[in-house]
All heavy atoms as atom14 arrays in JSON, in Angstrom:
{
  "sequence": "PAGKNLVGAFHPPAAVLCDPAWLTTMPPADYVSGLAEV",
  "atom14_mask": [
    [1, 1, 1, 1, 1, 1, 1, 0, 0, 0, 0, 0, 0, 0],
    [1, 1, 1, 1, 1, 0, 0, 0, 0, 0, 0, 0, 0, 0],
    [1, 1, 1, 1, 0, 0, 0, 0, 0, 0, 0, 0, 0, 0],
    [1, 1, 1, 1, 1, 1, 1, 1, 1, 0, 0, 0, 0, 0],
    [1, 1, 1, 1, 1, 1, 1, 1, 0, 0, 0, 0, 0, 0],
    [1, 1, 1, 1, 1, 1, 1, 1, 0, 0, 0, 0, 0, 0],
    [1, 1, 1, 1, 1, 1, 1, 0, 0, 0, 0, 0, 0, 0],
    [1, 1, 1, 1, 0, 0, 0, 0, 0, 0, 0, 0, 0, 0],
    [1, 1, 1, 1, 1, 0, 0, 0, 0, 0, 0, 0, 0, 0],
    [1, 1, 1, 1, 1, 1, 1, 1, 1, 1, 1, 0, 0, 0],
    [1, 1, 1, 1, 1, 1, 1, 1, 1, 1, 0, 0, 0, 0],
    [1, 1, 1, 1, 1, 1, 1, 0, 0, 0, 0, 0, 0, 0],
    [1, 1, 1, 1, 1, 1, 1, 0, 0, 0, 0, 0, 0, 0],
    [1, 1, 1, 1, 1, 0, 0, 0, 0, 0, 0, 0, 0, 0],
    [1, 1, 1, 1, 1, 0, 0, 0, 0, 0, 0, 0, 0, 0],
    [1, 1, 1, 1, 1, 1, 1, 0, 0, 0, 0, 0, 0, 0],
    [1, 1, 1, 1, 1, 1, 1, 1, 0, 0, 0, 0, 0, 0],
    [1, 1, 1, 1, 1, 1, 0, 0, 0, 0, 0, 0, 0, 0],
    [1, 1, 1, 1, 1, 1, 1, 1, 0, 0, 0, 0, 0, 0],
    [1, 1, 1, 1, 1, 1, 1, 0, 0, 0, 0, 0, 0, 0],
    [1, 1, 1, 1, 1, 0, 0, 0, 0, 0, 0, 0, 0, 0],
    [1, 1, 1, 1, 1, 1, 1, 1, 1, 1, 1, 1, 1, 1],
    [1, 1, 1, 1, 1, 1, 1, 1, 0, 0, 0, 0, 0, 0],
    [1, 1, 1, 1, 1, 1, 1, 0, 0, 0, 0, 0, 0, 0],
    [1, 1, 1, 1, 1, 1, 1, 0, 0, 0, 0, 0, 0, 0],
    [1, 1, 1, 1, 1, 1, 1, 1, 0, 0, 0, 0, 0, 0],
    [1, 1, 1, 1, 1, 1, 1, 0, 0, 0, 0, 0, 0, 0],
    [1, 1, 1, 1, 1, 1, 1, 0, 0, 0, 0, 0, 0, 0],
    [1, 1, 1, 1, 1, 0, 0, 0, 0, 0, 0, 0, 0, 0],
    [1, 1, 1, 1, 1, 1, 1, 1, 0, 0, 0, 0, 0, 0],
    [1, 1, 1, 1, 1, 1, 1, 1, 1, 1, 1, 1, 0, 0],
    [1, 1, 1, 1, 1, 1, 1, 0, 0, 0, 0, 0, 0, 0],
    [1, 1, 1, 1, 1, 1, 0, 0, 0, 0, 0, 0, 0, 0],
    [1, 1, 1, 1, 0, 0, 0, 0, 0, 0, 0, 0, 0, 0],
    [1, 1, 1, 1, 1, 1, 1, 1, 0, 0, 0, 0, 0, 0],
    [1, 1, 1, 1, 1, 0, 0, 0, 0, 0, 0, 0, 0, 0],
    [1, 1, 1, 1, 1, 1, 1, 1, 1, 0, 0, 0, 0, 0],
    [1, 1, 1, 1, 1, 1, 1, 0, 0, 0, 0, 0, 0, 0]
  ],
  "atom14_positions": [
    [[-12.2, -22.01, -11.4], [-11.24, -22.17, -12.5], [-11.86, -22.03, -13.89], [-11.17, -21.7, -14.87], [-10.69, -23.6, -12.27], [-10.83, -23.8, -10.81], [-12.11, -23.12, -10.43], [0.0, 0.0, 0.0], [0.0, 0.0, 0.0], [0.0, 0.0, 0.0], [0.0, 0.0, 0.0], [0.0, 0.0, 0.0], [0.0, 0.0, 0.0], [0.0, 0.0, 0.0]],
    [[-13.16, -22.25, -14.0], [-13.82, -22.17, -15.3], [-14.15, -20.75, -15.72], [-14.36, -20.47, -16.9], [-15.13, -22.99, -15.29], [0.0, 0.0, 0.0], [0.0, 0.0, 0.0], [0.0, 0.0, 0.0], [0.0, 0.0, 0.0], [0.0, 0.0, 0.0], [0.0, 0.0, 0.0], [0.0, 0.0, 0.0], [0.0, 0.0, 0.0], [0.0, 0.0, 0.0]],
    [[-14.19, -19.79, -14.77], [-14.54, -18.44, -15.16], [-14.85, -17.56, -13.97], [-14.87, -17.99, -12.8], [0.0, 0.0, 0.0], [0.0, 0.0, 0.0], [0.0, 0.0, 0.0], [0.0, 0.0, 0.0], [0.0, 0.0, 0.0], [0.0, 0.0, 0.0], [0.0, 0.0, 0.0], [0.0, 0.0, 0.0], [0.0, 0.0, 0.0], [0.0, 0.0, 0.0]],
    [[-15.15, -16.31, -14.26], [-15.36, -15.29, -13.23], [-16.84, -15.2, -12.86], [-17.71, -15.21, -13.71], [-14.88, -13.94, -13.76], [-14.95, -12.83, -12.74], [-14.26, -11.57, -13.25], [-14.34, -10.46, -12.22], [-13.62, -9.26, -12.63], [0.0, 0.0, 0.0], [0.0, 0.0, 0.0], [0.0, 0.0, 0.0], [0.0, 0.0, 0.0], [0.0, 0.0, 0.0]],
    [[-17.08, -15.12, -11.56], [-18.43, -14.9, -11.01], [-19.45, -15.97, -11.45], [-20.64, -15.69, -11.57], [-18.97, -13.53, -11.44], [-18.2, -12.39, -10.82], [-17.61, -12.53, -9.75], [-18.14, -11.26, -11.51], [0.0, 0.0, 0.0], [0.0, 0.0, 0.0], [0.0, 0.0, 0.0], [0.0, 0.0, 0.0], [0.0, 0.0, 0.0], [0.0, 0.0, 0.0]],
    [[-18.97, -17.19, -11.69], [-19.88, -18.26, -12.09], [-20.68, -18.82, -10.92], [-21.67, -19.52, -11.11], [-19.12, -19.38, -12.82], [-18.49, -18.97, -14.17], [-17.79, -20.18, -14.79], [-19.53, -18.41, -15.11], [0.0, 0.0, 0.0], [0.0, 0.0, 0.0], [0.0, 0.0, 0.0], [0.0, 0.0, 0.0], [0.0, 0.0, 0.0], [0.0, 0.0, 0.0]],
    [[-20.24, -18.54, -9.7], [-20.96, -18.95, -8.5], [-21.34, -17.67, -7.75], [-20.48, -16.85, -7.44], [-20.13, -19.84, -7.59], [-20.9, -20.2, -6.33], [-19.75, -21.12, -8.31], [0.0, 0.0, 0.0], [0.0, 0.0, 0.0], [0.0, 0.0, 0.0], [0.0, 0.0, 0.0], [0.0, 0.0, 0.0], [0.0, 0.0, 0.0], [0.0, 0.0, 0.0]],
    [[-22.62, -17.47, -7.52], [-23.02, -16.23, -6.85], [-24.5, -16.21, -6.57], [-25.22, -17.21, -6.71], [0.0, 0.0, 0.0], [0.0, 0.0, 0.0], [0.0, 0.0, 0.0], [0.0, 0.0, 0.0], [0.0, 0.0, 0.0], [0.0, 0.0, 0.0], [0.0, 0.0, 0.0], [0.0, 0.0, 0.0], [0.0, 0.0, 0.0], [0.0, 0.0, 0.0]],
    [[-24.98, -15.06, -6.12], [-26.39, -14.9, -5.75], [-26.74, -13.42, -5.87], [-25.86, -12.56, -5.92], [-26.63, -15.39, -4.32], [0.0, 0.0, 0.0], [0.0, 0.0, 0.0], [0.0, 0.0, 0.0], [0.0, 0.0, 0.0], [0.0, 0.0, 0.0], [0.0, 0.0, 0.0], [0.0, 0.0, 0.0], [0.0, 0.0, 0.0], [0.0, 0.0, 0.0]],
    [[-28.04, -13.13, -5.92], [-28.52, -11.75, -5.87], [-28.91, -11.43, -4.43], [-29.76, -12.1, -3.85], [-29.71, -11.58, -6.81], [-29.38, -11.71, -8.26], [-29.6, -12.9, -8.92], [-28.87, -10.65, -8.97], [-29.28, -13.04, -10.27], [-28.54, -10.76, -10.31], [-28.76, -11.96, -10.98], [0.0, 0.0, 0.0], [0.0, 0.0, 0.0], [0.0, 0.0, 0.0]],
    [[-28.26, -10.42, -3.86], [-28.49, -10.12, -2.45], [-28.24, -8.61, -2.25], [-27.1, -8.21, -1.98], [-27.55, -10.96, -1.59], [-27.85, -10.89, -0.11], [-29.02, -11.38, 0.44], [-27.12, -10.4, 0.93], [-29.0, -11.19, 1.74], [-27.86, -10.59, 2.07], [0.0, 0.0, 0.0], [0.0, 0.0, 0.0], [0.0, 0.0, 0.0], [0.0, 0.0, 0.0]],
    [[-29.28, -7.79, -2.34], [-29.07, -6.34, -2.19], [-28.54, -5.95, -0.81], [-28.92, -6.56, 0.2], [-30.49, -5.77, -2.4], [-31.22, -6.82, -3.16], [-30.66, -8.13, -2.68], [0.0, 0.0, 0.0], [0.0, 0.0, 0.0], [0.0, 0.0, 0.0], [0.0, 0.0, 0.0], [0.0, 0.0, 0.0], [0.0, 0.0, 0.0], [0.0, 0.0, 0.0]],
    [[-27.65, -4.98, -0.76], [-27.13, -4.54, 0.55], [-28.17, -3.7, 1.3], [-29.17, -3.25, 0.74], [-25.92, -3.68, 0.15], [-26.31, -3.12, -1.2], [-27.09, -4.21, -1.86], [0.0, 0.0, 0.0], [0.0, 0.0, 0.0], [0.0, 0.0, 0.0], [0.0, 0.0, 0.0], [0.0, 0.0, 0.0], [0.0, 0.0, 0.0], [0.0, 0.0, 0.0]],
    [[-27.9, -3.5, 2.58], [-28.73, -2.6, 3.38], [-28.34, -1.16, 3.14], [-29.14, -0.25, 3.34], [-28.57, -2.95, 4.86], [0.0, 0.0, 0.0], [0.0, 0.0, 0.0], [0.0, 0.0, 0.0], [0.0, 0.0, 0.0], [0.0, 0.0, 0.0], [0.0, 0.0, 0.0], [0.0, 0.0, 0.0], [0.0, 0.0, 0.0], [0.0, 0.0, 0.0]],
    [[-27.1, -0.91, 2.72], [-26.62, 0.43, 2.41], [-25.26, 0.32, 1.74], [-24.57, -0.68, 1.84], [-26.5, 1.28, 3.68], [0.0, 0.0, 0.0], [0.0, 0.0, 0.0], [0.0, 0.0, 0.0], [0.0, 0.0, 0.0], [0.0, 0.0, 0.0], [0.0, 0.0, 0.0], [0.0, 0.0, 0.0], [0.0, 0.0, 0.0], [0.0, 0.0, 0.0]],
    [[-24.93, 1.37, 1.0], [-23.6, 1.52, 0.39], [-23.08, 2.89, 0.76], [-23.75, 3.9, 0.55], [-23.63, 1.36, -1.15], [-22.24, 1.59, -1.74], [-24.18, 0.01, -1.56], [0.0, 0.0, 0.0], [0.0, 0.0, 0.0], [0.0, 0.0, 0.0], [0.0, 0.0, 0.0], [0.0, 0.0, 0.0], [0.0, 0.0, 0.0], [0.0, 0.0, 0.0]],
    [[-21.87, 2.93, 1.36], [-21.29, 4.17, 1.87], [-19.89, 4.36, 1.26], [-19.06, 3.46, 1.37], [-21.19, 4.15, 3.39], [-22.43, 3.68, 4.17], [-22.12, 3.6, 5.65], [-23.58, 4.63, 3.91], [0.0, 0.0, 0.0], [0.0, 0.0, 0.0], [0.0, 0.0, 0.0], [0.0, 0.0, 0.0], [0.0, 0.0, 0.0], [0.0, 0.0, 0.0]],
    [[-19.65, 5.52, 0.68], [-18.34, 5.78, 0.08], [-17.88, 7.21, 0.39], [-18.63, 8.16, 0.08], [-18.36, 5.55, -1.44], [-16.78, 5.91, -2.24], [0.0, 0.0, 0.0], [0.0, 0.0, 0.0], [0.0, 0.0, 0.0], [0.0, 0.0, 0.0], [0.0, 0.0, 0.0], [0.0, 0.0, 0.0], [0.0, 0.0, 0.0], [0.0, 0.0, 0.0]],
    [[-16.74, 7.35, 0.99], [-16.13, 8.65, 1.23], [-15.17, 8.91, 0.03], [-14.25, 8.1, -0.21], [-15.35, 8.63, 2.52], [-14.86, 10.02, 2.94], [-14.5, 10.8, 2.04], [-14.84, 10.31, 4.14], [0.0, 0.0, 0.0], [0.0, 0.0, 0.0], [0.0, 0.0, 0.0], [0.0, 0.0, 0.0], [0.0, 0.0, 0.0], [0.0, 0.0, 0.0]],
    [[-15.35, 9.99, -0.72], [-14.48, 10.24, -1.87], [-12.99, 10.28, -1.52], [-12.15, 10.01, -2.37], [-14.96, 11.62, -2.37], [-16.39, 11.71, -1.9], [-16.43, 11.0, -0.58], [0.0, 0.0, 0.0], [0.0, 0.0, 0.0], [0.0, 0.0, 0.0], [0.0, 0.0, 0.0], [0.0, 0.0, 0.0], [0.0, 0.0, 0.0], [0.0, 0.0, 0.0]],
    [[-12.69, 10.59, -0.28], [-11.26, 10.62, 0.15], [-10.62, 9.27, 0.01], [-9.4, 9.17, -0.21], [-11.15, 11.13, 1.59], [0.0, 0.0, 0.0], [0.0, 0.0, 0.0], [0.0, 0.0, 0.0], [0.0, 0.0, 0.0], [0.0, 0.0, 0.0], [0.0, 0.0, 0.0], [0.0, 0.0, 0.0], [0.0, 0.0, 0.0], [0.0, 0.0, 0.0]],
    [[-11.42, 8.19, 0.16], [-10.84, 6.86, 0.01], [-10.29, 6.63, -1.39], [-9.3, 5.93, -1.57], [-11.88, 5.77, 0.34], [-12.47, 5.83, 1.7], [-11.88, 6.41, 2.8], [-13.71, 5.31, 2.15], [-12.69, 6.26, 3.88], [-13.83, 5.6, 3.53], [-14.76, 4.64, 1.5], [-14.94, 5.23, 4.27], [-15.86, 4.25, 2.25], [-15.97, 4.56, 3.61]],
    [[-10.9, 7.26, -2.37], [-10.48, 7.04, -3.74], [-9.15, 7.7, -4.05], [-8.43, 7.29, -4.96], [-11.55, 7.56, -4.73], [-12.96, 7.02, -4.52], [-13.89, 7.58, -5.59], [-13.0, 5.52, -4.53], [0.0, 0.0, 0.0], [0.0, 0.0, 0.0], [0.0, 0.0, 0.0], [0.0, 0.0, 0.0], [0.0, 0.0, 0.0], [0.0, 0.0, 0.0]],
    [[-8.82, 8.75, -3.29], [-7.55, 9.46, -3.56], [-6.35, 8.63, -3.12], [-5.21, 8.97, -3.52], [-7.52, 10.8, -2.8], [-7.51, 10.57, -1.39], [-8.7, 11.66, -3.2], [0.0, 0.0, 0.0], [0.0, 0.0, 0.0], [0.0, 0.0, 0.0], [0.0, 0.0, 0.0], [0.0, 0.0, 0.0], [0.0, 0.0, 0.0], [0.0, 0.0, 0.0]],
    [[-6.54, 7.57, -2.35], [-5.44, 6.72, -1.91], [-5.2, 5.56, -2.84], [-4.31, 4.74, -2.61], [-5.7, 6.22, -0.49], [-6.84, 5.35, -0.51], [-5.95, 7.37, 0.48], [0.0, 0.0, 0.0], [0.0, 0.0, 0.0], [0.0, 0.0, 0.0], [0.0, 0.0, 0.0], [0.0, 0.0, 0.0], [0.0, 0.0, 0.0], [0.0, 0.0, 0.0]],
    [[-6.01, 5.43, -3.91], [-5.87, 4.33, -4.83], [-4.65, 4.52, -5.73], [-4.33, 5.64, -6.1], [-7.1, 4.2, -5.75], [-8.39, 3.83, -5.06], [-9.72, 3.7, -6.3], [-9.08, 2.32, -7.3], [0.0, 0.0, 0.0], [0.0, 0.0, 0.0], [0.0, 0.0, 0.0], [0.0, 0.0, 0.0], [0.0, 0.0, 0.0], [0.0, 0.0, 0.0]],
    [[-3.97, 3.44, -6.16], [-3.0, 3.56, -7.2], [-3.66, 4.13, -8.46], [-4.79, 3.71, -8.81], [-2.53, 2.1, -7.44], [-2.85, 1.42, -6.16], [-4.09, 2.05, -5.63], [0.0, 0.0, 0.0], [0.0, 0.0, 0.0], [0.0, 0.0, 0.0], [0.0, 0.0, 0.0], [0.0, 0.0, 0.0], [0.0, 0.0, 0.0], [0.0, 0.0, 0.0]],
    [[-3.05, 5.09, -9.13], [-3.68, 5.74, -10.27], [-4.2, 4.77, -11.33], [-5.29, 4.97, -11.88], [-2.6, 6.66, -10.84], [-1.73, 6.98, -9.64], [-1.75, 5.71, -8.81], [0.0, 0.0, 0.0], [0.0, 0.0, 0.0], [0.0, 0.0, 0.0], [0.0, 0.0, 0.0], [0.0, 0.0, 0.0], [0.0, 0.0, 0.0], [0.0, 0.0, 0.0]],
    [[-3.43, 3.71, -11.64], [-3.86, 2.77, -12.66], [-5.14, 2.03, -12.27], [-6.0, 1.75, -13.11], [-2.75, 1.78, -12.95], [0.0, 0.0, 0.0], [0.0, 0.0, 0.0], [0.0, 0.0, 0.0], [0.0, 0.0, 0.0], [0.0, 0.0, 0.0], [0.0, 0.0, 0.0], [0.0, 0.0, 0.0], [0.0, 0.0, 0.0], [0.0, 0.0, 0.0]],
    [[-5.29, 1.74, -10.97], [-6.49, 1.07, -10.5], [-7.7, 2.01, -10.56], [-8.81, 1.61, -10.92], [-6.3, 0.57, -9.06], [-5.33, -0.58, -8.94], [-5.09, -1.26, -9.98], [-4.78, -0.81, -7.86], [0.0, 0.0, 0.0], [0.0, 0.0, 0.0], [0.0, 0.0, 0.0], [0.0, 0.0, 0.0], [0.0, 0.0, 0.0], [0.0, 0.0, 0.0]],
    [[-7.46, 3.27, -10.19], [-8.55, 4.26, -10.26], [-9.04, 4.44, -11.69], [-10.26, 4.38, -11.97], [-8.07, 5.6, -9.71], [-9.09, 6.68, -9.83], [-10.1, 6.8, -8.89], [-9.07, 7.57, -10.91], [-11.06, 7.78, -9.01], [-10.03, 8.55, -11.02], [-11.03, 8.66, -10.07], [-11.99, 9.63, -10.2], [0.0, 0.0, 0.0], [0.0, 0.0, 0.0]],
    [[-8.11, 4.59, -12.62], [-8.48, 4.78, -14.03], [-9.22, 3.54, -14.54], [-10.2, 3.64, -15.29], [-7.23, 5.07, -14.88], [-7.54, 4.96, -16.37], [-6.73, 6.47, -14.56], [0.0, 0.0, 0.0], [0.0, 0.0, 0.0], [0.0, 0.0, 0.0], [0.0, 0.0, 0.0], [0.0, 0.0, 0.0], [0.0, 0.0, 0.0], [0.0, 0.0, 0.0]],
    [[-8.78, 2.37, -14.15], [-9.44, 1.15, -14.57], [-10.93, 1.15, -14.18], [-11.81, 0.79, -14.97], [-8.74, -0.08, -13.97], [-9.39, -1.28, -14.36], [0.0, 0.0, 0.0], [0.0, 0.0, 0.0], [0.0, 0.0, 0.0], [0.0, 0.0, 0.0], [0.0, 0.0, 0.0], [0.0, 0.0, 0.0], [0.0, 0.0, 0.0], [0.0, 0.0, 0.0]],
    [[-11.21, 1.63, -12.97], [-12.59, 1.69, -12.53], [-13.46, 2.64, -13.35], [-14.67, 2.48, -13.44], [0.0, 0.0, 0.0], [0.0, 0.0, 0.0], [0.0, 0.0, 0.0], [0.0, 0.0, 0.0], [0.0, 0.0, 0.0], [0.0, 0.0, 0.0], [0.0, 0.0, 0.0], [0.0, 0.0, 0.0], [0.0, 0.0, 0.0], [0.0, 0.0, 0.0]],
    [[-12.83, 3.61, -13.97], [-13.57, 4.57, -14.79], [-14.21, 3.9, -16.0], [-15.15, 4.48, -16.61], [-12.68, 5.71, -15.25], [-12.29, 6.75, -14.2], [-11.25, 7.71, -14.77], [-13.51, 7.52, -13.7], [0.0, 0.0, 0.0], [0.0, 0.0, 0.0], [0.0, 0.0, 0.0], [0.0, 0.0, 0.0], [0.0, 0.0, 0.0], [0.0, 0.0, 0.0]],
    [[-13.72, 2.72, -16.4], [-14.32, 2.03, -17.53], [-15.8, 1.76, -17.27], [-16.64, 1.85, -18.2], [-13.59, 0.72, -17.82], [0.0, 0.0, 0.0], [0.0, 0.0, 0.0], [0.0, 0.0, 0.0], [0.0, 0.0, 0.0], [0.0, 0.0, 0.0], [0.0, 0.0, 0.0], [0.0, 0.0, 0.0], [0.0, 0.0, 0.0], [0.0, 0.0, 0.0]],
    [[-16.16, 1.43, -16.03], [-17.56, 1.17, -15.72], [-18.39, 2.47, -15.77], [-19.58, 2.42, -16.07], [-17.69, 0.52, -14.33], [-17.11, -0.87, -14.29], [-17.98, -1.94, -14.97], [-19.09, -1.6, -15.44], [-17.54, -3.09, -15.05], [0.0, 0.0, 0.0], [0.0, 0.0, 0.0], [0.0, 0.0, 0.0], [0.0, 0.0, 0.0], [0.0, 0.0, 0.0]],
    [[-17.77, 3.59, -15.47], [-18.45, 4.88, -15.62], [-18.71, 5.19, -17.08], [-19.83, 5.58, -17.47], [-17.6, 5.99, -14.99], [-18.28, 7.37, -15.15], [-17.37, 5.71, -13.49], [0.0, 0.0, 0.0], [0.0, 0.0, 0.0], [0.0, 0.0, 0.0], [0.0, 0.0, 0.0], [0.0, 0.0, 0.0], [0.0, 0.0, 0.0], [0.0, 0.0, 0.0]]
  ]
}
């Protein structure tokens, strides 16, 4: 309730896998929102 991500840890994954086709099924507004990090 006090804020975002205030409880967490650093834990690298063993791998990250992304098929670009998954992104085409996103609602357009959500996809564009993610572009802010780009």
